Protein backbone atom coordinates (compact mmCIF):
# COMPACT_ATOMS: atom_id res chain seq x y z
CA UNK A 1 10.72 63.88 9.80
CA UNK A 2 14.45 63.68 10.54
CA UNK A 3 14.67 60.37 8.68
CA UNK A 4 12.94 61.82 5.65
CA UNK A 5 15.22 64.84 5.65
CA UNK A 6 18.25 62.55 5.62
CA UNK A 7 16.87 60.48 2.75
CA UNK A 8 15.97 63.57 0.76
CA UNK A 9 19.53 64.77 1.11
CA UNK A 10 20.90 61.47 -0.12
CA UNK A 11 18.66 61.67 -3.17
CA UNK A 12 19.74 65.27 -3.80
CA UNK A 13 23.36 64.12 -3.61
CA UNK A 14 22.71 61.45 -6.24
CA UNK A 15 22.51 58.53 -3.82
CA UNK A 16 20.58 55.29 -4.30
CA UNK A 17 18.08 54.28 -1.62
CA UNK A 18 16.78 50.81 -0.86
CA UNK A 19 13.04 50.43 -0.55
CA UNK A 20 11.73 47.26 1.03
CA UNK A 21 10.19 44.26 -0.69
CA UNK A 22 6.53 43.28 -0.64
CA UNK A 23 4.53 43.45 2.56
CA UNK A 24 1.23 41.79 1.65
CA UNK A 25 2.64 38.79 -0.17
CA UNK A 26 5.37 38.42 2.43
CA UNK A 27 2.67 38.15 5.11
CA UNK A 28 1.05 35.42 3.02
CA UNK A 29 4.40 33.69 2.43
CA UNK A 30 4.91 33.55 6.20
CA UNK A 31 1.50 32.10 6.95
CA UNK A 32 -0.90 35.02 7.48
CA UNK A 33 -4.42 34.39 6.25
CA UNK A 34 -5.56 36.54 3.33
CA UNK A 35 -9.09 37.95 3.30
CA UNK A 36 -11.36 36.80 0.47
CA UNK A 37 -12.77 40.34 0.30
CA UNK A 38 -9.87 42.61 1.20
CA UNK A 39 -6.73 40.55 0.48
CA UNK A 40 -3.93 41.54 2.91
CA UNK A 41 -5.65 44.62 4.33
CA UNK A 42 -7.19 43.10 7.48
CA UNK A 43 -4.07 41.07 8.35
CA UNK A 44 -2.30 43.82 10.28
CA UNK A 45 -4.24 43.51 13.54
CA UNK A 46 -4.08 39.74 14.02
CA UNK A 47 -0.52 39.48 12.68
CA UNK A 48 1.01 42.51 14.34
CA UNK A 49 4.12 40.73 15.64
CA UNK A 50 4.69 39.02 12.30
CA UNK A 51 4.32 42.33 10.51
CA UNK A 52 6.90 43.90 12.80
CA UNK A 53 9.28 41.01 12.09
CA UNK A 54 8.91 41.49 8.34
CA UNK A 55 9.73 45.19 8.64
CA UNK A 56 12.67 44.40 10.93
CA UNK A 57 14.01 41.84 8.46
CA UNK A 58 13.91 44.39 5.65
CA UNK A 59 15.74 46.95 7.77
CA UNK A 60 18.35 44.34 8.67
CA UNK A 61 18.82 43.76 4.94
CA UNK A 62 19.70 47.42 4.55
CA UNK A 63 16.41 49.03 3.56
CA UNK A 64 16.03 52.77 4.06
CA UNK A 65 12.23 52.78 3.72
CA UNK A 66 9.65 50.25 4.90
CA UNK A 67 6.08 50.25 3.63
CA UNK A 68 3.12 50.02 5.98
CA UNK A 69 0.61 47.29 5.15
CA UNK A 70 -2.07 49.74 4.01
CA UNK A 71 -2.24 49.03 0.27
CA UNK A 72 -5.57 47.16 0.57
CA UNK A 73 -7.01 48.75 3.69
CA UNK A 74 -8.97 51.79 2.55
CA UNK A 75 -12.66 51.80 3.38
CA UNK A 76 -13.31 50.71 -0.21
CA UNK A 77 -11.78 47.33 0.63
CA UNK A 78 -12.39 46.89 4.35
CA UNK A 79 -16.13 47.59 4.15
CA UNK A 80 -16.55 44.58 1.87
CA UNK A 81 -14.87 42.44 4.51
CA UNK A 82 -17.27 43.66 7.20
CA UNK A 83 -14.64 45.95 8.70
CA UNK A 84 -16.02 49.33 7.72
CA UNK A 85 -16.20 50.34 11.38
CA UNK A 86 -12.55 49.40 11.97
CA UNK A 87 -10.80 51.34 9.20
CA UNK A 88 -8.79 53.48 11.62
CA UNK A 89 -7.93 50.55 13.90
CA UNK A 90 -6.64 48.38 11.04
CA UNK A 91 -4.57 51.13 9.50
CA UNK A 92 -3.21 52.40 12.80
CA UNK A 93 -1.99 48.87 13.54
CA UNK A 94 -0.27 48.68 10.14
CA UNK A 95 1.44 52.04 10.52
CA UNK A 96 2.25 51.41 14.16
CA UNK A 97 4.11 48.19 13.38
CA UNK A 98 6.29 49.94 10.82
CA UNK A 99 6.78 53.03 12.97
CA UNK A 100 7.92 51.06 16.01
CA UNK A 101 10.53 49.16 14.01
CA UNK A 102 11.88 52.26 12.26
CA UNK A 103 12.05 54.22 15.50
CA UNK A 104 14.25 51.51 16.97
CA UNK A 105 16.50 51.13 13.94
CA UNK A 106 19.34 53.29 15.23
CA UNK A 107 19.71 54.96 11.84
CA UNK A 108 17.48 57.01 9.52
CA UNK A 109 14.65 54.76 8.34
CA UNK A 110 11.39 56.11 6.95
CA UNK A 111 7.85 54.73 7.04
CA UNK A 112 5.95 54.91 3.77
CA UNK A 113 2.19 54.78 4.00
CA UNK A 114 0.88 52.87 1.00
CA UNK A 115 -2.15 54.36 -0.73
CA UNK A 116 -3.57 52.54 -3.73
CA UNK A 117 -6.80 52.90 -5.67
CA UNK A 118 -7.69 49.24 -5.16
CA UNK A 119 -11.36 48.32 -5.32
CA UNK A 120 -12.94 44.84 -4.99
CA UNK A 121 -11.31 42.19 -7.16
CA UNK A 122 -13.15 39.26 -8.72
CA UNK A 123 -12.40 35.98 -6.94
CA UNK A 124 -9.67 33.91 -8.53
CA UNK A 125 -8.52 36.73 -10.81
CA UNK A 126 -6.36 39.85 -10.76
CA UNK A 127 -9.10 41.99 -12.35
CA UNK A 128 -11.03 44.66 -10.50
CA UNK A 129 -14.78 44.21 -10.52
CA UNK A 130 -15.85 47.41 -12.26
CA UNK A 131 -19.51 46.51 -11.71
CA UNK A 132 -18.86 46.93 -7.98
CA UNK A 133 -16.87 50.13 -8.36
CA UNK A 134 -17.97 52.78 -5.85
CA UNK A 135 -18.99 56.21 -7.07
CA UNK A 136 -16.69 59.21 -7.20
CA UNK A 137 -17.81 60.62 -3.87
CA UNK A 138 -17.13 57.35 -2.03
CA UNK A 139 -13.74 56.93 -3.66
CA UNK A 140 -12.50 60.43 -2.95
CA UNK A 141 -13.74 60.30 0.65
CA UNK A 142 -12.03 56.94 1.21
CA UNK A 143 -8.74 58.20 -0.19
CA UNK A 144 -8.82 61.32 1.97
CA UNK A 145 -9.71 59.26 5.04
CA UNK A 146 -6.82 56.85 4.56
CA UNK A 147 -4.33 59.60 3.67
CA UNK A 148 -5.18 61.43 6.88
CA UNK A 149 -4.85 58.25 8.96
CA UNK A 150 -1.43 57.66 7.43
CA UNK A 151 -0.38 61.18 8.36
CA UNK A 152 -1.85 60.99 11.87
CA UNK A 153 -0.15 57.64 12.45
CA UNK A 154 3.30 59.07 11.81
CA UNK A 155 4.14 58.08 8.24
CA UNK A 156 7.10 59.98 6.79
CA UNK A 157 5.76 59.88 3.26
CA UNK A 158 2.85 58.59 1.22
CA UNK A 159 3.67 55.98 -1.39
CA UNK A 160 1.06 56.05 -4.16
CA UNK A 161 1.17 52.49 -5.44
CA UNK A 162 -0.05 50.84 -8.62
CA UNK A 163 -1.53 53.92 -10.21
CA UNK A 164 -3.12 52.74 -13.45
CA UNK A 165 -6.76 53.92 -13.53
CA UNK A 166 -6.88 57.46 -14.96
CA UNK A 167 -9.69 58.79 -12.77
CA UNK A 168 -8.98 56.96 -9.52
CA UNK A 169 -5.26 57.75 -9.83
CA UNK A 170 -6.01 61.46 -10.10
CA UNK A 171 -8.14 61.34 -6.95
CA UNK A 172 -5.48 59.37 -5.05
CA UNK A 173 -2.80 61.88 -6.05
CA UNK A 174 -5.04 64.71 -4.89
CA UNK A 175 -5.69 63.08 -1.51
CA UNK A 176 -2.01 62.37 -0.91
CA UNK A 177 -0.90 65.90 -1.77
CA UNK A 178 -3.54 67.41 0.51
CA UNK A 179 -1.78 65.90 3.55
CA UNK A 180 1.36 67.96 2.99
CA UNK A 181 3.51 64.83 3.40
CA UNK A 182 6.18 63.98 0.82
CA UNK A 183 4.64 61.89 -1.97
CA UNK A 184 6.30 59.20 -4.07
CA UNK A 185 4.28 58.05 -7.08
CA UNK A 186 4.41 54.56 -8.60
CA UNK A 187 2.72 53.74 -11.89
CA UNK A 188 2.03 50.20 -13.15
CA UNK A 189 2.27 49.14 -16.79
CA UNK A 190 1.61 46.22 -19.13
CA UNK A 191 2.38 45.45 -22.75
CA UNK A 192 -0.33 45.68 -25.38
CA UNK A 193 -0.86 43.06 -28.08
CA UNK A 194 1.29 45.11 -30.45
CA UNK A 195 3.97 45.74 -27.84
CA UNK A 196 2.78 49.25 -27.00
CA UNK A 197 3.42 50.30 -23.42
CA UNK A 198 0.07 50.62 -21.68
CA UNK A 199 -1.26 51.43 -18.25
CA UNK A 200 -1.83 48.25 -16.23
CA UNK A 201 -5.61 48.90 -16.43
CA UNK A 202 -7.03 45.58 -17.70
CA UNK A 203 -10.40 46.72 -19.06
CA UNK A 204 -9.18 49.07 -21.81
CA UNK A 205 -5.94 49.92 -23.59
CA UNK A 206 -4.79 53.16 -21.97
CA UNK A 207 -1.45 54.41 -23.34
CA UNK A 208 1.08 54.92 -20.57
CA UNK A 209 1.73 58.42 -21.87
CA UNK A 210 -1.84 59.30 -20.87
CA UNK A 211 -1.13 58.31 -17.29
CA UNK A 212 1.90 60.56 -17.23
CA UNK A 213 -0.40 63.49 -17.95
CA UNK A 214 -1.51 63.09 -14.32
CA UNK A 215 1.87 64.17 -12.97
CA UNK A 216 1.30 67.36 -10.96
CA UNK A 217 3.49 70.38 -11.51
CA UNK A 218 4.79 70.13 -7.95
CA UNK A 219 4.49 68.09 -4.76
CA UNK A 220 5.55 64.65 -6.00
CA UNK A 221 9.14 64.04 -4.89
CA UNK A 222 9.88 60.75 -6.69
CA UNK A 223 8.21 58.97 -9.60
CA UNK A 224 8.62 55.51 -11.02
CA UNK A 225 7.24 52.15 -12.04
CA UNK A 226 6.19 49.35 -9.70
CA UNK A 227 4.14 46.14 -9.63
CA UNK A 228 5.01 45.57 -13.29
CA UNK A 229 7.03 43.05 -15.25
CA UNK A 230 10.71 43.70 -14.79
CA UNK A 231 11.38 43.84 -18.52
CA UNK A 232 8.87 46.68 -18.95
CA UNK A 233 10.32 48.95 -16.30
CA UNK A 234 13.25 50.42 -18.28
CA UNK A 235 11.13 51.52 -21.28
CA UNK A 236 8.47 52.89 -18.94
CA UNK A 237 11.05 54.83 -16.96
CA UNK A 238 12.37 56.36 -20.17
CA UNK A 239 8.91 57.87 -20.68
CA UNK A 240 8.79 59.02 -17.07
CA UNK A 241 12.18 60.71 -17.35
CA UNK A 242 10.96 62.64 -20.39
CA UNK A 243 8.28 64.20 -18.17
CA UNK A 244 10.05 64.92 -14.88
CA UNK A 245 13.43 65.48 -13.26
CA UNK A 246 12.26 63.89 -9.98
CA UNK A 247 14.24 60.90 -8.65
CA UNK A 248 13.18 57.65 -10.32
CA UNK A 249 11.90 54.58 -8.49
CA UNK A 250 11.71 50.94 -9.64
CA UNK A 251 10.25 47.91 -7.91
CA UNK A 252 8.80 45.07 -10.02
CA UNK A 253 6.55 42.16 -9.14
CA UNK A 254 6.94 38.53 -10.15
CA UNK A 255 4.35 35.76 -10.27
CA UNK A 256 0.67 36.66 -10.47
CA UNK A 257 -2.38 37.38 -8.34
CA UNK A 258 -5.43 35.13 -8.02
CA UNK A 259 -7.64 36.87 -5.47
CA UNK A 260 -7.09 36.47 -2.54
CA UNK A 261 -3.69 34.81 -2.94
CA UNK A 262 -0.45 35.36 -4.77
CA UNK A 263 0.80 32.64 -7.07
CA UNK A 264 4.51 32.31 -6.30
CA UNK A 265 5.28 30.02 -9.24
CA UNK A 266 7.74 31.31 -11.83
CA UNK A 267 9.09 34.08 -9.59
CA UNK A 268 12.27 35.49 -11.12
CA UNK A 269 15.58 34.41 -9.63
CA UNK A 270 17.57 36.70 -7.38
CA UNK A 271 20.29 36.76 -10.05
CA UNK A 272 17.85 37.97 -12.71
CA UNK A 273 16.50 40.60 -10.35
CA UNK A 274 20.02 41.76 -9.63
CA UNK A 275 20.71 42.10 -13.34
CA UNK A 276 17.66 44.27 -13.88
CA UNK A 277 18.47 46.41 -10.84
CA UNK A 278 22.01 47.06 -12.07
CA UNK A 279 20.60 48.30 -15.37
CA UNK A 280 18.08 50.55 -13.64
CA UNK A 281 20.76 52.15 -11.50
CA UNK A 282 22.90 52.69 -14.60
CA UNK A 283 19.88 54.40 -16.16
CA UNK A 284 19.58 56.76 -13.20
CA UNK A 285 17.14 55.05 -10.84
CA UNK A 286 17.64 56.22 -7.24
CA UNK A 287 15.09 54.13 -5.32
CA UNK A 288 15.19 50.33 -5.70
CA UNK A 289 12.91 47.73 -4.17
CA UNK A 290 10.66 44.77 -4.83
CA UNK A 291 6.93 44.21 -5.07
CA UNK A 292 4.49 41.30 -4.91
CA UNK A 293 5.97 37.83 -5.18
CA UNK A 294 9.56 38.82 -4.52
CA UNK A 295 11.23 38.06 -1.21
CA UNK A 296 13.69 39.12 1.42
CA UNK A 297 16.38 37.26 -0.54
CA UNK A 298 15.68 39.45 -3.57
CA UNK A 299 16.22 42.58 -1.50
CA UNK A 300 19.42 41.19 -0.01
CA UNK A 301 20.64 40.52 -3.57
CA UNK A 302 20.56 44.24 -4.44
CA UNK A 303 21.43 45.77 -1.07
CA UNK A 304 24.96 46.67 -2.07
CA UNK A 305 23.65 48.83 -4.92
CA UNK A 306 22.57 51.48 -2.43
CA UNK A 307 24.95 54.34 -1.87
C-alpha cells in the first residue's frame, strides 16, 4: 500500500492526480475481440500482453493510477458468456496485468480494481436488460465475490464505476467498503428532457440528488462523476461538493455504446478535453482521467495538469 499512501498524501496536500483512460474500449481500439454477452470482461485472459501494454502506455503518459479490466467481469456478466466457472481466473488475470506493470514502474503507481453494477445489456444498445436482472441475493453475492478477488489480487483501491442504479449502487458500495480497501466512487449522469440533472439510469428519471443520498458517512475517500458527457460534469460536481469534502474526481466518456462495441464516431477532440479538464481543476477536481471512447492521446493532453 506504499503507492496508495503516497497518493493519499498528495491529495491531502492539494495535489492533482492523473487517472488513466479507458481500458475496455482501448482493448477494442487495439483489436481485442469484445464478447457479445460480457463486453470487455473476458478479454483479459486472451489479451494479457496487450492489456499490460495498455497499462504501461498510460503510466508512460504520467498516470498515477491504472484501472484493472474488471468493470464487466463480475459473475453477473461472465456467467452469461459461459464463464461462470472462471470468474476468479478472468479477474486475477486482469488485476495481475495491472499489478505487474505498476510494480515495475519505478515510482508510486496504484492499481484500481473496477467494480460496477453492470448487468446484461440488450444487443445493439446501451440499455441494461431489466427483464434479465438477477435478484438481490445474486447481485450482492456477485459484488462481494468480485470485491474480495480484487483485494486478494493486490488492488490498492476499489474504483466504484458508473453508479447510477439506486439499489445496485448501494449494494456495490457496501461490498467495496467491506473489503477495508480505500474506495473511490464514480457516479454517472444524464440530462433530462427539461435539462434537469439525472442519474444515468435509462429506465426512469432519477434525480441525481437522490443518488447522492447513497454517500456513506465514512469510508469513501474520493467522489466524482465519470462515464458522462463532459458538459454535465461541472454541474454534477457542484452537487457532489455540496455533500462531501472528499477529493473530487472527473473522467468523461465520448462516443456511445452499442453492445458489444463502442462507437468511436464523434469523440471529442483532445483540445476540447483539455479545456474541460482545465475548468475542472479550477473548480477543485483532484483526480483527472478519461473513460470510454477517449484515448491515450487524450490523457497525454492533460498530463501536465497533474501536480
